[in-house]
Amino acid sequence: MIVHAAGADLNYVTRGQGPVCLVLSSIGTHPYELQMPRALDDHLTMVFVDVRGSGRSTGDPASLGFDVLADDLEAVRRALGAPRVIVLGHSIVGMLAIEYARRRPETVSHAIVVGTPPKGDMAALIAQSTAYFQAHASAERKQVLQENLAKLPPGTPPNEAVFAQTPLRFFDPRFDAPALFTGAEPRPEILMHLMAKLGPTWDVTAGAELRTPLLIAHGRHDYTVPHVLWDDVIIRLSTATKRIFERSGHQPFIEEPERFTAEVTAWLGGSTGNPAGR
């Protein structure tokens, strides 16, 4: 489906039933259609959205600011006829989910972020995650990462080289990840915009107070975005709840799908927002 917004046509794909949950993507909707647990479809209408300038959505990635994003997602919400929505973002895209919720608390009932850092400064994050990996990863995990990186041929594109980093991203350091990204439509322009333009100055605690209930889901074995980065931050977020997934890395919805579904649905049922808009 396509919805028209100012300067862009936004692509989205829908499945499931129940309150609407917008799942944001910057790499095309198909990977997240594959990765999100099908059990969530029994509880939520899952709406996978290519943000402006990504996937099958048009528009200039450079025009994507947080205010424009909120307007874009409001256009999707109105097209769906939903009075309120839940929004979910993974990794750095969780930044977008939080900022949509911050700007539209009247129409965003809940925000869920998975493997998202509390700040968007990539240089600082890499330094923190590297130190955490060295201090906490097992010898086996470190050895597998070293072997994977040594096998990469010169000139391997970043979207392929990332699969050598499975020891950083999954509970199982030998996880076979490529199939999970079938149909990905990465565009360097949107990724660079998120990481080099929007990210460096972003801080979850900056700006207007976040009034929307926020679920922070993190794998204990996520060495790209260590869960401990939230420890000194969450105490300043009155609406936030943190859940740690013991047998997961960067994508607990893949490694622990049953528990992820249970945690999300239980949290939605117990938090103060009303996803149905009633």
Protein backbone atom coordinates (compact mmCIF):
# COMPACT_ATOMS: atom_id res chain seq x y z
CA MET A 1 0.00 0.00 0.00
CA ILE A 2 1.06 3.57 -0.66
CA VAL A 3 0.09 6.71 1.22
CA HIS A 4 0.96 10.18 -0.02
CA ALA A 5 2.78 12.57 2.31
CA ALA A 6 4.41 15.94 1.67
CA GLY A 7 7.16 15.22 -0.84
CA ALA A 8 7.04 11.42 -0.57
CA ASP A 9 5.00 8.30 -1.28
CA LEU A 10 5.25 6.01 1.74
CA ASN A 11 5.13 2.24 1.33
CA TYR A 12 3.60 0.00 3.98
CA VAL A 13 2.56 -3.65 4.32
CA THR A 14 -0.12 -4.87 6.73
CA ARG A 15 -0.91 -8.17 8.42
CA GLY A 16 -2.53 -9.40 11.64
CA GLN A 17 -5.44 -8.14 13.70
CA GLY A 18 -6.02 -5.87 16.67
CA PRO A 19 -4.50 -2.51 17.63
CA VAL A 20 -2.19 -1.06 15.00
CA CYS A 21 1.58 -1.35 15.51
CA LEU A 22 3.77 0.57 13.07
CA VAL A 23 7.07 -1.30 12.56
CA LEU A 24 9.53 1.18 11.09
CA SER A 25 12.25 0.14 8.66
CA SER A 26 15.11 1.78 6.79
CA ILE A 27 16.10 -1.38 4.83
CA GLY A 28 12.79 -2.34 3.24
CA THR A 29 9.84 -3.99 4.95
CA HIS A 30 10.57 -7.58 3.95
CA PRO A 31 13.32 -8.36 6.51
CA TYR A 32 11.09 -7.27 9.37
CA GLU A 33 8.13 -9.13 7.90
CA LEU A 34 10.33 -12.23 8.15
CA GLN A 35 11.75 -11.46 11.57
CA MET A 36 8.75 -10.31 13.60
CA PRO A 37 7.04 -13.25 15.36
CA ARG A 38 3.91 -14.38 13.59
CA ALA A 39 2.33 -14.88 17.01
CA LEU A 40 2.10 -11.10 17.34
CA ASP A 41 -0.39 -11.16 14.44
CA ASP A 42 -2.97 -12.66 16.81
CA HIS A 43 -2.75 -9.57 19.00
CA LEU A 44 -1.75 -6.67 16.77
CA THR A 45 -2.21 -5.34 13.27
CA MET A 46 1.43 -5.21 12.23
CA VAL A 47 2.07 -2.41 9.73
CA PHE A 48 5.58 -2.47 8.28
CA VAL A 49 6.54 1.01 7.07
CA ASP A 50 9.43 2.09 4.85
CA VAL A 51 10.40 5.49 6.21
CA ARG A 52 10.86 8.33 3.72
CA GLY A 53 13.76 7.72 1.34
CA SER A 54 14.11 4.02 2.20
CA GLY A 55 12.89 0.71 0.83
CA ARG A 56 10.04 1.32 -1.59
CA SER A 57 9.17 4.74 -0.21
CA THR A 58 10.13 7.78 -2.24
CA GLY A 59 11.37 11.13 -1.00
CA ASP A 60 14.74 12.64 -0.31
CA PRO A 61 16.40 10.99 2.71
CA ALA A 62 17.98 14.35 3.56
CA SER A 63 14.49 15.77 4.15
CA LEU A 64 13.78 13.27 6.94
CA GLY A 65 13.84 15.16 10.21
CA PHE A 66 11.92 14.21 13.32
CA ASP A 67 9.07 16.61 12.62
CA VAL A 68 8.77 15.40 9.02
CA LEU A 69 8.86 11.81 10.26
CA ALA A 70 5.99 12.48 12.67
CA ASP A 71 3.93 14.03 9.87
CA ASP A 72 4.70 11.06 7.59
CA LEU A 73 3.64 8.50 10.17
CA GLU A 74 0.51 10.48 10.96
CA ALA A 75 -0.38 10.19 7.26
CA VAL A 76 0.00 6.41 7.53
CA ARG A 77 -2.09 6.34 10.72
CA ARG A 78 -4.89 8.33 9.10
CA ALA A 79 -4.82 6.10 6.00
CA LEU A 80 -5.29 3.10 8.28
CA GLY A 81 -8.19 4.77 10.09
CA ALA A 82 -6.52 4.15 13.46
CA PRO A 83 -7.23 6.65 16.25
CA ARG A 84 -4.02 5.63 18.02
CA VAL A 85 -1.04 3.46 17.14
CA ILE A 86 1.84 1.64 18.76
CA VAL A 87 5.24 2.29 17.17
CA LEU A 88 8.19 -0.13 17.13
CA GLY A 89 11.74 0.56 16.01
CA HIS A 90 14.81 -1.68 15.99
CA SER A 91 18.41 -0.57 16.46
CA ILE A 92 19.02 3.06 15.43
CA VAL A 93 15.52 3.21 13.92
CA GLY A 94 14.24 3.06 17.49
CA MET A 95 15.37 6.69 17.66
CA LEU A 96 12.67 7.47 15.08
CA ALA A 97 10.05 5.55 17.04
CA ILE A 98 10.84 7.50 20.20
CA GLU A 99 10.76 10.86 18.45
CA TYR A 100 7.42 10.10 16.80
CA ALA A 101 6.00 9.21 20.22
CA ARG A 102 7.51 12.34 21.77
CA ARG A 103 5.87 14.56 19.15
CA ARG A 104 2.49 12.83 18.98
CA PRO A 105 1.56 11.57 22.47
CA GLU A 106 -2.12 12.02 21.64
CA THR A 107 -1.99 9.48 18.80
CA VAL A 108 0.90 7.20 19.82
CA SER A 109 -0.26 4.99 22.68
CA HIS A 110 2.99 3.05 23.19
CA ALA A 111 6.56 2.98 21.86
CA ILE A 112 8.74 -0.14 21.69
CA VAL A 113 12.46 -0.04 20.96
CA VAL A 114 14.63 -3.11 20.48
CA GLY A 115 18.42 -2.97 20.60
CA THR A 116 18.30 0.82 20.44
CA PRO A 117 21.00 2.99 22.03
CA PRO A 118 19.96 5.87 24.33
CA LYS A 119 22.18 8.22 22.33
CA GLY A 120 22.86 8.36 18.60
CA ASP A 121 26.56 9.24 18.57
CA MET A 122 27.95 6.29 16.57
CA ALA A 123 31.61 6.98 17.36
CA ALA A 124 30.90 6.92 21.10
CA LEU A 125 28.71 3.84 20.72
CA ILE A 126 31.41 1.91 18.88
CA ALA A 127 33.93 2.74 21.60
CA GLN A 128 31.52 1.69 24.35
CA SER A 129 30.45 -1.52 22.63
CA THR A 130 34.04 -2.51 21.84
CA ALA A 131 35.04 -2.06 25.47
CA TYR A 132 31.99 -4.02 26.65
CA PHE A 133 32.75 -6.88 24.25
CA GLN A 134 36.34 -7.11 25.41
CA ALA A 135 35.29 -7.10 29.06
CA HIS A 136 32.30 -9.45 28.91
CA ALA A 137 32.39 -11.71 25.84
CA SER A 138 33.56 -15.29 26.19
CA ALA A 139 36.84 -16.48 24.71
CA GLU A 140 34.88 -18.61 22.22
CA ARG A 141 32.84 -15.63 21.06
CA LYS A 142 35.96 -13.54 20.57
CA GLN A 143 37.63 -16.35 18.62
CA VAL A 144 34.66 -16.82 16.29
CA LEU A 145 34.56 -13.09 15.56
CA GLN A 146 38.29 -13.05 14.79
CA GLU A 147 37.91 -16.03 12.44
CA ASN A 148 34.90 -14.50 10.66
CA LEU A 149 36.66 -11.20 10.07
CA ALA A 150 39.79 -12.95 8.79
CA LYS A 151 37.72 -14.75 6.15
CA LEU A 152 36.32 -11.56 4.63
CA PRO A 153 37.78 -10.88 1.19
CA PRO A 154 39.09 -7.38 0.49
CA GLY A 155 36.39 -4.97 -0.61
CA THR A 156 33.47 -6.84 0.98
CA PRO A 157 30.47 -4.45 0.96
CA PRO A 158 29.31 -3.32 4.43
CA ASN A 159 25.87 -4.94 3.99
CA GLU A 160 27.65 -8.30 3.54
CA ALA A 161 30.48 -7.75 6.01
CA VAL A 162 27.91 -7.32 8.78
CA PHE A 163 27.25 -11.07 8.70
CA ALA A 164 30.78 -11.67 9.98
CA GLN A 165 29.67 -9.85 13.13
CA THR A 166 27.23 -12.51 14.30
CA PRO A 167 29.20 -13.01 17.54
CA LEU A 168 28.41 -9.36 18.32
CA ARG A 169 24.76 -9.61 17.35
CA PHE A 170 23.41 -13.02 18.38
CA PHE A 171 23.36 -15.24 21.46
CA ASP A 172 24.65 -18.05 19.22
CA PRO A 173 27.97 -16.70 17.89
CA ARG A 174 27.67 -19.01 14.86
CA PHE A 175 24.10 -17.97 13.99
CA ASP A 176 23.34 -18.16 10.25
CA ALA A 177 21.85 -14.70 9.67
CA PRO A 178 21.76 -13.98 5.90
CA ALA A 179 18.38 -15.64 5.26
CA LEU A 180 16.76 -13.26 7.74
CA PHE A 181 17.57 -10.34 5.47
CA THR A 182 16.12 -11.77 2.28
CA GLY A 183 14.53 -8.98 0.28
CA ALA A 184 16.40 -6.20 2.07
CA GLU A 185 16.59 -2.95 0.11
CA PRO A 186 19.40 -1.02 1.76
CA ARG A 187 20.09 2.49 0.55
CA PRO A 188 23.36 4.02 1.74
CA GLU A 189 21.84 7.52 1.67
CA ILE A 190 19.21 6.85 4.35
CA LEU A 191 21.60 4.91 6.58
CA MET A 192 24.17 7.68 6.41
CA HIS A 193 21.49 10.27 7.11
CA LEU A 194 20.33 8.41 10.22
CA MET A 195 23.82 7.76 11.57
CA ALA A 196 25.71 10.87 10.46
CA LYS A 197 23.03 13.59 10.47
CA LEU A 198 20.21 12.75 12.87
CA GLY A 199 22.11 10.46 15.22
CA PRO A 200 25.16 12.37 16.49
CA THR A 201 23.23 14.94 18.53
CA TRP A 202 20.28 12.72 19.50
CA ASP A 203 19.75 11.86 23.17
CA VAL A 204 16.62 10.14 24.45
CA THR A 205 16.57 12.43 27.49
CA ALA A 206 16.81 15.65 25.47
CA GLY A 207 13.85 17.66 24.24
CA ALA A 208 10.30 17.58 25.51
CA GLU A 209 9.34 15.06 28.16
CA LEU A 210 8.49 11.64 26.75
CA ARG A 211 4.93 10.99 27.96
CA THR A 212 4.21 7.82 25.99
CA PRO A 213 4.86 4.46 27.70
CA LEU A 214 8.19 3.13 26.42
CA LEU A 215 9.34 -0.50 26.36
CA ILE A 216 13.09 -0.99 25.99
CA ALA A 217 13.81 -4.58 24.89
CA HIS A 218 17.42 -5.72 24.91
CA GLY A 219 19.34 -8.96 24.53
CA ARG A 220 21.92 -9.64 27.21
CA HIS A 221 24.35 -10.75 24.50
CA ASP A 222 23.94 -7.66 22.33
CA TYR A 223 27.51 -6.45 21.96
CA THR A 224 26.68 -3.83 19.33
CA VAL A 225 24.39 -1.91 21.70
CA PRO A 226 25.09 -3.15 25.24
CA HIS A 227 22.04 -3.09 27.49
CA VAL A 228 24.05 -1.45 30.28
CA LEU A 229 24.06 1.82 28.32
CA TRP A 230 20.50 2.35 29.54
CA ASP A 231 21.29 1.83 33.23
CA ASP A 232 21.97 5.49 34.04
CA VAL A 233 19.36 6.75 31.59
CA ILE A 234 16.19 4.85 32.38
CA ILE A 235 15.93 6.41 35.84
CA ARG A 236 15.31 9.74 34.08
CA LEU A 237 12.48 8.34 31.92
CA SER A 238 9.31 8.13 33.99
CA THR A 239 7.37 6.10 31.41
CA ALA A 240 10.10 3.58 30.52
CA THR A 241 10.26 -0.15 31.23
CA LYS A 242 13.30 -2.29 30.41
CA ARG A 243 13.23 -6.01 29.63
CA ILE A 244 16.38 -8.12 29.23
CA PHE A 245 16.29 -11.26 27.07
CA GLU A 246 18.86 -13.69 28.45
CA ARG A 247 19.36 -15.81 25.32
CA SER A 248 19.38 -13.02 22.75
CA GLY A 249 21.63 -10.52 21.09
CA HIS A 250 20.63 -7.53 18.98
CA GLN A 251 17.34 -9.06 17.78
CA PRO A 252 15.45 -10.84 20.57
CA PHE A 253 12.33 -11.07 18.41
CA ILE A 254 14.32 -13.65 16.38
CA GLU A 255 16.12 -15.57 19.10
CA GLU A 256 13.33 -15.60 21.70
CA PRO A 257 10.13 -15.04 19.69
CA GLU A 258 7.77 -16.64 22.22
CA ARG A 259 9.09 -14.61 25.12
CA PHE A 260 9.23 -11.46 23.00
CA THR A 261 5.57 -11.87 22.09
CA ALA A 262 4.64 -12.57 25.71
CA GLU A 263 6.57 -9.59 27.07
CA VAL A 264 5.18 -7.17 24.49
CA THR A 265 1.56 -8.24 24.89
CA ALA A 266 1.78 -8.31 28.69
CA TRP A 267 3.35 -4.84 28.76
CA LEU A 268 0.75 -3.44 26.38
CA GLY A 269 -1.97 -4.84 28.59
CA GLY A 270 -0.50 -3.45 31.79
CA SER A 271 0.84 -0.03 30.83
CA THR A 272 -1.20 3.14 31.00
CA GLY A 273 -1.59 3.77 27.28
CA ASN A 274 -4.64 2.45 25.41
CA PRO A 275 -3.56 0.92 22.07
CA ALA A 276 -7.12 0.55 20.88
CA GLY A 277 -7.75 4.26 21.35
CA ARG A 278 -10.77 3.73 23.55
